[in-house]
C-alpha atoms as a PDB file:
ATOM      1  CA  MET A   1      -0.099   0.203   0.145  1.00  0.00           C
ATOM      2  CA  ARG A   2       1.541   3.299  -0.873  1.00  0.00           C
ATOM      3  CA  ASN A   3       1.711   6.151   1.360  1.00  0.00           C
ATOM      4  CA  VAL A   4       0.155   9.213   0.120  1.00  0.00           C
ATOM      5  CA  THR A   5       1.179  12.308   1.677  1.00  0.00           C
ATOM      6  CA  ALA A   6      -1.700  15.228   1.660  1.00  0.00           C
ATOM      7  CA  ILE A   7      -0.244  18.630   0.956  1.00  0.00           C
ATOM      8  CA  ARG A   8      -2.419  21.224   2.672  1.00  0.00           C
ATOM      9  CA  ASP A   9      -2.747  24.804   1.430  1.00  0.00           C
ATOM     10  CA  THR A  10      -1.543  26.498   4.587  1.00  0.00           C
ATOM     11  CA  ARG A  11      -3.039  30.066   3.546  1.00  0.00           C
ATOM     12  CA  ARG A  12      -6.263  31.406   4.879  1.00  0.00           C
ATOM     13  CA  PRO A  13      -9.348  31.377   3.011  1.00  0.00           C
ATOM     14  CA  ASP A  14      -9.482  35.033   3.089  1.00  0.00           C
ATOM     15  CA  ALA A  15      -5.898  35.637   2.382  1.00  0.00           C
ATOM     16  CA  LEU A  16      -5.209  38.587   0.250  1.00  0.00           C
ATOM     17  CA  PRO A  17      -3.441  38.339  -3.248  1.00  0.00           C
ATOM     18  CA  ASP A  18       0.226  39.470  -3.805  1.00  0.00           C
ATOM     19  CA  ASP A  19       0.974  43.008  -3.927  1.00  0.00           C
ATOM     20  CA  ALA A  20       1.240  43.171  -7.859  1.00  0.00           C
ATOM     21  CA  THR A  21      -2.347  41.620  -8.193  1.00  0.00           C
ATOM     22  CA  LEU A  22      -3.781  43.898  -5.474  1.00  0.00           C
ATOM     23  CA  GLY A  23      -2.162  46.802  -7.273  1.00  0.00           C
ATOM     24  CA  ALA A  24      -3.907  46.220 -10.720  1.00  0.00           C
ATOM     25  CA  GLU A  25      -7.129  45.574  -8.823  1.00  0.00           C
ATOM     26  CA  GLY A  26      -6.615  48.950  -6.749  1.00  0.00           C
ATOM     27  CA  ASN A  27      -6.161  50.759 -10.125  1.00  0.00           C
ATOM     28  CA  GLU A  28      -9.228  49.334 -11.807  1.00  0.00           C
ATOM     29  CA  ARG A  29     -11.027  50.423  -8.380  1.00  0.00           C
ATOM     30  CA  LEU A  30      -9.640  54.031  -8.504  1.00  0.00           C
ATOM     31  CA  THR A  31     -10.566  54.385 -12.207  1.00  0.00           C
ATOM     32  CA  ALA A  32     -14.107  53.269 -10.983  1.00  0.00           C
ATOM     33  CA  TRP A  33     -14.360  55.679  -8.197  1.00  0.00           C
ATOM     34  CA  THR A  34     -13.060  58.685 -10.494  1.00  0.00           C
ATOM     35  CA  GLY A  35     -15.254  57.541 -13.276  1.00  0.00           C
ATOM     36  CA  THR A  36     -18.470  57.912 -11.270  1.00  0.00           C
ATOM     37  CA  ALA A  37     -17.586  61.208  -9.738  1.00  0.00           C
ATOM     38  CA  LEU A  38     -16.892  62.392 -13.321  1.00  0.00           C
ATOM     39  CA  LEU A  39     -20.205  61.141 -14.389  1.00  0.00           C
ATOM     40  CA  LEU A  40     -21.885  63.081 -11.594  1.00  0.00           C
ATOM     41  CA  GLY A  41     -19.755  66.190 -12.536  1.00  0.00           C
ATOM     42  CA  PHE A  42     -20.410  65.969 -16.182  1.00  0.00           C
ATOM     43  CA  ALA A  43     -24.331  65.512 -15.328  1.00  0.00           C
ATOM     44  CA  ALA A  44     -24.438  68.478 -13.243  1.00  0.00           C
ATOM     45  CA  GLU A  45     -22.300  70.694 -15.991  1.00  0.00           C
ATOM     46  CA  GLY A  46     -24.899  69.161 -18.575  1.00  0.00           C
ATOM     47  CA  PHE A  47     -27.772  70.451 -16.391  1.00  0.00           C
ATOM     48  CA  THR A  48     -26.381  73.870 -16.446  1.00  0.00           C
ATOM     49  CA  ILE A  49     -26.655  73.640 -20.730  1.00  0.00           C
ATOM     50  CA  LEU A  50     -30.428  73.745 -19.902  1.00  0.00           C
ATOM     51  CA  ASP A  51     -30.395  77.497 -19.570  1.00  0.00           C
ATOM     52  CA  ILE A  52     -26.911  78.361 -19.976  1.00  0.00           C
ATOM     53  CA  HIS A  53     -27.318  82.230 -19.589  1.00  0.00           C
ATOM     54  CA  TRP A  54     -29.081  81.758 -16.157  1.00  0.00           C
ATOM     55  CA  TYR A  55     -26.516  79.055 -14.808  1.00  0.00           C
ATOM     56  CA  MET A  56     -23.445  80.488 -16.604  1.00  0.00           C
ATOM     57  CA  LYS A  57     -21.619  81.006 -13.194  1.00  0.00           C
ATOM     58  CA  TRP A  58     -22.090  77.429 -12.266  1.00  0.00           C
ATOM     59  CA  HIS A  59     -21.674  76.193 -15.721  1.00  0.00           C
ATOM     60  CA  LEU A  60     -17.995  77.786 -15.463  1.00  0.00           C
ATOM     61  CA  ILE A  61     -17.346  76.929 -11.886  1.00  0.00           C
ATOM     62  CA  ILE A  62     -17.858  73.150 -12.730  1.00  0.00           C
ATOM     63  CA  GLY A  63     -16.201  73.323 -15.698  1.00  0.00           C
ATOM     64  CA  TYR A  64     -13.256  74.464 -14.037  1.00  0.00           C
ATOM     65  CA  ALA A  65     -13.470  72.062 -11.222  1.00  0.00           C
ATOM     66  CA  LEU A  66     -13.761  68.991 -13.423  1.00  0.00           C
ATOM     67  CA  LEU A  67      -9.789  69.655 -14.378  1.00  0.00           C
ATOM     68  CA  VAL A  68      -8.814  68.037 -11.247  1.00  0.00           C
ATOM     69  CA  PRO A  69     -10.661  64.753 -11.406  1.00  0.00           C
ATOM     70  CA  VAL A  70     -10.112  64.510 -15.081  1.00  0.00           C
ATOM     71  CA  GLY A  71      -6.557  64.717 -14.467  1.00  0.00           C
ATOM     72  CA  LEU A  72      -6.621  61.978 -11.963  1.00  0.00           C
ATOM     73  CA  LYS A  73      -8.870  59.898 -14.329  1.00  0.00           C
ATOM     74  CA  LEU A  74      -6.328  60.361 -17.096  1.00  0.00           C
ATOM     75  CA  ALA A  75      -3.371  59.519 -14.587  1.00  0.00           C
ATOM     76  CA  SER A  76      -5.393  56.109 -13.552  1.00  0.00           C
ATOM     77  CA  THR A  77      -5.926  55.332 -16.922  1.00  0.00           C
ATOM     78  CA  GLY A  78      -2.761  56.081 -18.309  1.00  0.00           C
ATOM     79  CA  TYR A  79      -0.767  54.080 -15.515  1.00  0.00           C
ATOM     80  CA  ARG A  80      -2.826  50.939 -16.644  1.00  0.00           C
ATOM     81  CA  PHE A  81      -1.939  51.423 -20.233  1.00  0.00           C
ATOM     82  CA  THR A  82       1.722  51.845 -19.519  1.00  0.00           C
ATOM     83  CA  ARG A  83       1.873  48.813 -17.265  1.00  0.00           C
ATOM     84  CA  TYR A  84      -0.351  46.831 -19.509  1.00  0.00           C
ATOM     85  CA  TYR A  85       2.032  47.229 -22.943  1.00  0.00           C
ATOM     86  CA  THR A  86       4.989  47.034 -20.795  1.00  0.00           C
ATOM     87  CA  GLY A  87       4.333  43.363 -19.891  1.00  0.00           C
ATOM     88  CA  THR A  88       3.312  43.579 -16.360  1.00  0.00           C
ATOM     89  CA  PRO A  89       1.806  40.285 -15.657  1.00  0.00           C
ATOM     90  CA  ALA A  90      -0.852  41.216 -13.177  1.00  0.00           C
ATOM     91  CA  TYR A  91      -2.139  44.095 -15.575  1.00  0.00           C
ATOM     92  CA  ARG A  92      -1.516  41.440 -18.626  1.00  0.00           C
ATOM     93  CA  ARG A  93      -4.030  39.279 -16.785  1.00  0.00           C
ATOM     94  CA  LYS A  94      -6.877  41.922 -16.397  1.00  0.00           C
ATOM     95  CA  GLY A  95      -6.544  42.006 -20.220  1.00  0.00           C
ATOM     96  CA  PRO A  96      -7.186  45.020 -22.457  1.00  0.00           C
ATOM     97  CA  PRO A  97     -10.587  46.706 -23.336  1.00  0.00           C
ATOM     98  CA  LYS A  98     -12.770  45.286 -25.881  1.00  0.00           C
ATOM     99  CA  PRO A  99     -11.337  46.393 -29.709  1.00  0.00           C
ATOM    100  CA  LEU A 100     -14.015  49.366 -29.879  1.00  0.00           C
ATOM    101  CA  LEU A 101     -13.275  50.589 -26.709  1.00  0.00           C
ATOM    102  CA  ARG A 102      -9.512  50.629 -27.336  1.00  0.00           C
ATOM    103  CA  VAL A 103     -10.305  52.527 -30.372  1.00  0.00           C
ATOM    104  CA  LEU A 104     -12.421  55.079 -28.791  1.00  0.00           C
ATOM    105  CA  GLY A 105     -10.311  55.542 -25.870  1.00  0.00           C
ATOM    106  CA  PRO A 106      -7.665  57.866 -27.082  1.00  0.00           C
ATOM    107  CA  VAL A 107     -10.535  59.816 -28.975  1.00  0.00           C
ATOM    108  CA  LEU A 108     -12.489  60.363 -25.637  1.00  0.00           C
ATOM    109  CA  VAL A 109      -9.343  61.801 -24.098  1.00  0.00           C
ATOM    110  CA  LEU A 110      -8.729  64.105 -26.925  1.00  0.00           C
ATOM    111  CA  LEU A 111     -12.216  65.267 -26.980  1.00  0.00           C
ATOM    112  CA  THR A 112     -12.258  65.750 -23.332  1.00  0.00           C
ATOM    113  CA  VAL A 113      -9.328  67.778 -23.191  1.00  0.00           C
ATOM    114  CA  GLY A 114     -10.752  69.657 -26.292  1.00  0.00           C
ATOM    115  CA  VAL A 115     -14.010  70.615 -24.496  1.00  0.00           C
ATOM    116  CA  LEU A 116     -12.362  71.583 -21.328  1.00  0.00           C
ATOM    117  CA  ALA A 117      -9.506  73.587 -23.067  1.00  0.00           C
ATOM    118  CA  THR A 118     -11.924  75.565 -25.297  1.00  0.00           C
ATOM    119  CA  GLY A 119     -14.167  76.301 -22.337  1.00  0.00           C
ATOM    120  CA  VAL A 120     -11.148  77.544 -20.562  1.00  0.00           C
ATOM    121  CA  GLY A 121     -10.042  79.604 -23.539  1.00  0.00           C
ATOM    122  CA  LEU A 122     -13.404  81.123 -24.075  1.00  0.00           C
ATOM    123  CA  GLU A 123     -12.670  82.863 -20.683  1.00  0.00           C
ATOM    124  CA  VAL A 124      -8.965  83.711 -20.750  1.00  0.00           C
ATOM    125  CA  LEU A 125      -7.952  84.565 -24.268  1.00  0.00           C
ATOM    126  CA  PRO A 126      -8.792  87.628 -26.132  1.00  0.00           C
ATOM    127  CA  SER A 127     -12.224  88.098 -27.597  1.00  0.00           C
ATOM    128  CA  THR A 128     -10.749  88.039 -30.948  1.00  0.00           C
ATOM    129  CA  TYR A 129     -10.732  84.360 -30.879  1.00  0.00           C
ATOM    130  CA  HIS A 130     -14.260  83.937 -29.358  1.00  0.00           C
ATOM    131  CA  PHE A 131     -16.271  83.000 -32.143  1.00  0.00           C
ATOM    132  CA  GLN A 132     -13.941  80.190 -33.375  1.00  0.00           C
ATOM    133  CA  LEU A 133     -13.300  78.772 -30.029  1.00  0.00           C
ATOM    134  CA  GLU A 134     -17.265  78.943 -29.233  1.00  0.00           C
ATOM    135  CA  GLN A 135     -17.667  76.781 -32.454  1.00  0.00           C
ATOM    136  CA  LEU A 136     -14.913  74.339 -31.430  1.00  0.00           C
ATOM    137  CA  HIS A 137     -16.392  73.880 -28.019  1.00  0.00           C
ATOM    138  CA  LYS A 138     -19.901  73.138 -29.372  1.00  0.00           C
ATOM    139  CA  LEU A 139     -18.755  70.972 -31.921  1.00  0.00           C
ATOM    140  CA  SER A 140     -16.255  68.968 -29.679  1.00  0.00           C
ATOM    141  CA  PHE A 141     -19.206  68.862 -26.831  1.00  0.00           C
ATOM    142  CA  ILE A 142     -21.243  66.940 -29.374  1.00  0.00           C
ATOM    143  CA  ALA A 143     -18.512  64.776 -30.599  1.00  0.00           C
ATOM    144  CA  TRP A 144     -17.700  64.109 -26.844  1.00  0.00           C
ATOM    145  CA  PHE A 145     -21.047  63.384 -25.861  1.00  0.00           C
ATOM    146  CA  GLY A 146     -21.449  60.746 -28.366  1.00  0.00           C
ATOM    147  CA  VAL A 147     -18.154  59.026 -27.779  1.00  0.00           C
ATOM    148  CA  THR A 148     -18.954  59.310 -23.948  1.00  0.00           C
ATOM    149  CA  THR A 149     -22.220  57.606 -24.198  1.00  0.00           C
ATOM    150  CA  ILE A 150     -20.586  54.453 -25.444  1.00  0.00           C
ATOM    151  CA  HIS A 151     -17.889  54.529 -22.903  1.00  0.00           C
ATOM    152  CA  VAL A 152     -20.051  55.026 -20.289  1.00  0.00           C
ATOM    153  CA  LEU A 153     -22.763  52.035 -21.306  1.00  0.00           C
ATOM    154  CA  ALA A 154     -19.915  50.011 -21.556  1.00  0.00           C
ATOM    155  CA  TYR A 155     -18.414  50.398 -18.284  1.00  0.00           C
ATOM    156  CA  VAL A 156     -21.099  51.501 -15.939  1.00  0.00           C
ATOM    157  CA  TRP A 157     -22.476  48.319 -15.011  1.00  0.00           C
ATOM    158  CA  ARG A 158     -18.860  47.473 -13.351  1.00  0.00           C
ATOM    159  CA  LEU A 159     -18.855  50.321 -10.998  1.00  0.00           C
ATOM    160  CA  PRO A 160     -21.147  49.153  -8.352  1.00  0.00           C
ATOM    161  CA  ARG A 161     -19.442  45.967  -7.893  1.00  0.00           C
ATOM    162  CA  LEU A 162     -15.938  47.431  -7.830  1.00  0.00           C
ATOM    163  CA  MET A 163     -17.141  50.479  -5.279  1.00  0.00           C
ATOM    164  CA  LEU A 164     -18.982  48.002  -3.087  1.00  0.00           C
ATOM    165  CA  ALA A 165     -15.828  46.007  -2.895  1.00  0.00           C
ATOM    166  CA  ASP A 166     -14.081  48.989  -1.768  1.00  0.00           C
ATOM    167  CA  LEU A 167     -16.726  49.928   0.729  1.00  0.00           C
ATOM    168  CA  LEU A 168     -16.863  46.375   2.345  1.00  0.00           C
ATOM    169  CA  VAL A 169     -13.126  45.901   2.069  1.00  0.00           C
ATOM    170  CA  ARG A 170     -13.203  42.746  -0.199  1.00  0.00           C
ATOM    171  CA  GLY A 171     -10.087  41.439  -1.866  1.00  0.00           C
ATOM    172  CA  THR A 172      -7.936  44.738  -0.508  1.00  0.00           C
ATOM    173  CA  ARG A 173      -6.535  46.287   2.243  1.00  0.00           C
ATOM    174  CA  GLY A 174      -8.767  48.412   4.120  1.00  0.00           C
ATOM    175  CA  SER A 175      -5.982  51.489   4.173  1.00  0.00           C
ATOM    176  CA  ALA A 176      -5.869  51.184   0.417  1.00  0.00           C
ATOM    177  CA  ALA A 177      -9.669  51.206  -0.182  1.00  0.00           C
ATOM    178  CA  ALA A 178      -9.887  54.296   2.190  1.00  0.00           C
ATOM    179  CA  GLN A 179      -6.986  55.900   0.560  1.00  0.00           C
ATOM    180  CA  ARG A 180      -8.930  55.776  -3.063  1.00  0.00           C
ATOM    181  CA  ILE A 181     -12.272  57.080  -1.599  1.00  0.00           C
ATOM    182  CA  VAL A 182     -10.444  60.005   0.064  1.00  0.00           C
ATOM    183  CA  LEU A 183      -8.113  60.523  -3.097  1.00  0.00           C
ATOM    184  CA  VAL A 184     -11.113  60.811  -5.222  1.00  0.00           C
ATOM    185  CA  ALA A 185     -13.179  62.907  -2.769  1.00  0.00           C
ATOM    186  CA  ALA A 186     -10.386  65.025  -2.585  1.00  0.00           C
ATOM    187  CA  SER A 187      -9.926  65.881  -6.025  1.00  0.00           C
ATOM    188  CA  GLY A 188     -13.577  66.985  -6.060  1.00  0.00           C
ATOM    189  CA  VAL A 189     -12.996  69.178  -3.348  1.00  0.00           C
ATOM    190  CA  LEU A 190      -9.813  70.500  -4.789  1.00  0.00           C
ATOM    191  CA  GLY A 191     -11.708  70.906  -8.015  1.00  0.00           C
ATOM    192  CA  LEU A 192     -14.374  72.858  -6.608  1.00  0.00           C
ATOM    193  CA  GLY A 193     -11.801  75.260  -4.905  1.00  0.00           C
ATOM    194  CA  LEU A 194     -10.058  75.533  -8.065  1.00  0.00           C
ATOM    195  CA  GLY A 195     -13.079  76.538  -9.666  1.00  0.00           C
ATOM    196  CA  TYR A 196     -14.376  79.415  -7.485  1.00  0.00           C
ATOM    197  CA  VAL A 197     -10.573  80.667  -7.832  1.00  0.00           C
ATOM    198  CA  LEU A 198     -10.445  80.697 -11.336  1.00  0.00           C
ATOM    199  CA  TYR A 199     -14.133  82.182 -11.608  1.00  0.00           C
ATOM    200  CA  ALA A 200     -13.159  85.143  -9.292  1.00  0.00           C
ATOM    201  CA  THR A 201      -9.949  85.725 -10.970  1.00  0.00           C
ATOM    202  CA  VAL A 202     -11.174  85.621 -14.654  1.00  0.00           C
ATOM    203  CA  LYS A 203     -14.498  87.340 -13.776  1.00  0.00           C
END
């Protein structure tokens, strides 16, 4: 009769993955939190368009405020892009976006920058360029809205799962989850502060 040695897995059932896997997962969750913040921010900005003359003050403040979380989102997705295409195993395991979304990603970045840059330009550049900038602002917004709609519909279903996992501290360290939430909240507060300062300064 053969002796069979049973090799038991000594890891705890609730043991966390390795640091590299946690980093890739954390990046995805940070992107989800930031994306949700931007979804709310751009929705508020869209509301001001319903009566742009009446809500012009808030249109400008919110537009300025969005600069900070947009920067955070670009940093988060840019970091994932770099780690994936430099062959980092944890990010390679996450896989790339669907082909259509891979094509639309850079387009969405350019359009977002275009909408915000022309909006800021309308306030800070000489009136000589006002007509051209206004037309570019409107056209880039229309294109941005179409591409963003596709982007949101593709990713919005993931947001509750990723955010809830952080809130319940599942598959992550509590400190890391808290840092992500605080970072996104801070970007919103800093953005609003920047919005008020720029509005007052430009005005």
